[in-house]
């Protein structure tokens, strides 16, 4: 049977990079993510993944970031019965299946219409699971989201691709619409964006990155309802043990050199 053909370019095509990286990591012995849905999706798609130049090191790095976010989502749901989850720019990520939220948790995956159409073909539906076909920077989609529930908002691998002014407007709309909750997002320094632009996988897609965040408190000043909680390293040495020697060396340096830690990290806020 022919696979699902995809015709994605630029930032949209990068979702295939992250999907493939998570699938590769899930095929390794002692996988951290065990993302079998991602592995199955890769096998269903008619696309030359080799052009993205994704290797095991990148796959492991993506898995570490995804697992860190999964754990934070699970913790939030355990502390907030009746919460909702918003996954911004979800791509083909399978977090809802990895987390498997408790019955009654409404989960919203938001992405471009062509991405949501592809998700519908690749993944099963489930109760309380909502797919919203829209660019995240369009304001109208929030009307579909309840206002009166605690919300966990996840933006994995999204912020670099947004213009800074559009990103800040998005965050302002979110905290104005939602009653309370937490936000987790990637933050890259300007040097981090320069390194991203040089990465072979990103260059293969032609995607452009724009928004750098040097100081976590920048977002507090721009969006006053946000309260910075923690800065989380995107890499953990114990999880990086399966990487190649050069990648392991970088992770060790990352841990001890503050300037390197600012290249790429996860930020957590309350609102």
Foldseek 3Di string as FASTA:
>chain_A
DAAAEDDDFAPLCCLLVLLVLQLVLLPDPPRPQVPVLSVQNVVRYDDDCVLLVRDNLNSLLSSLLLVVVLVVVLVQCVVFPQAEEEEAQCQLDDSCVSNVHDPNHAYEYEDAQVRLVSNPVRDDDDPNYYYHHDHLLDLPRCVVPAAEGAYEYEYEPHQQQDAPVSVLVSVQSVPVRHPKYKYKYKAAAPVLQVVVCVDSSNVSRVYHTHDHDQDPCVSCVSRVVKDWDDKAQSDDLVSSPPPDPVSSVLVVVCVPDVVNSRRMIMTMIID
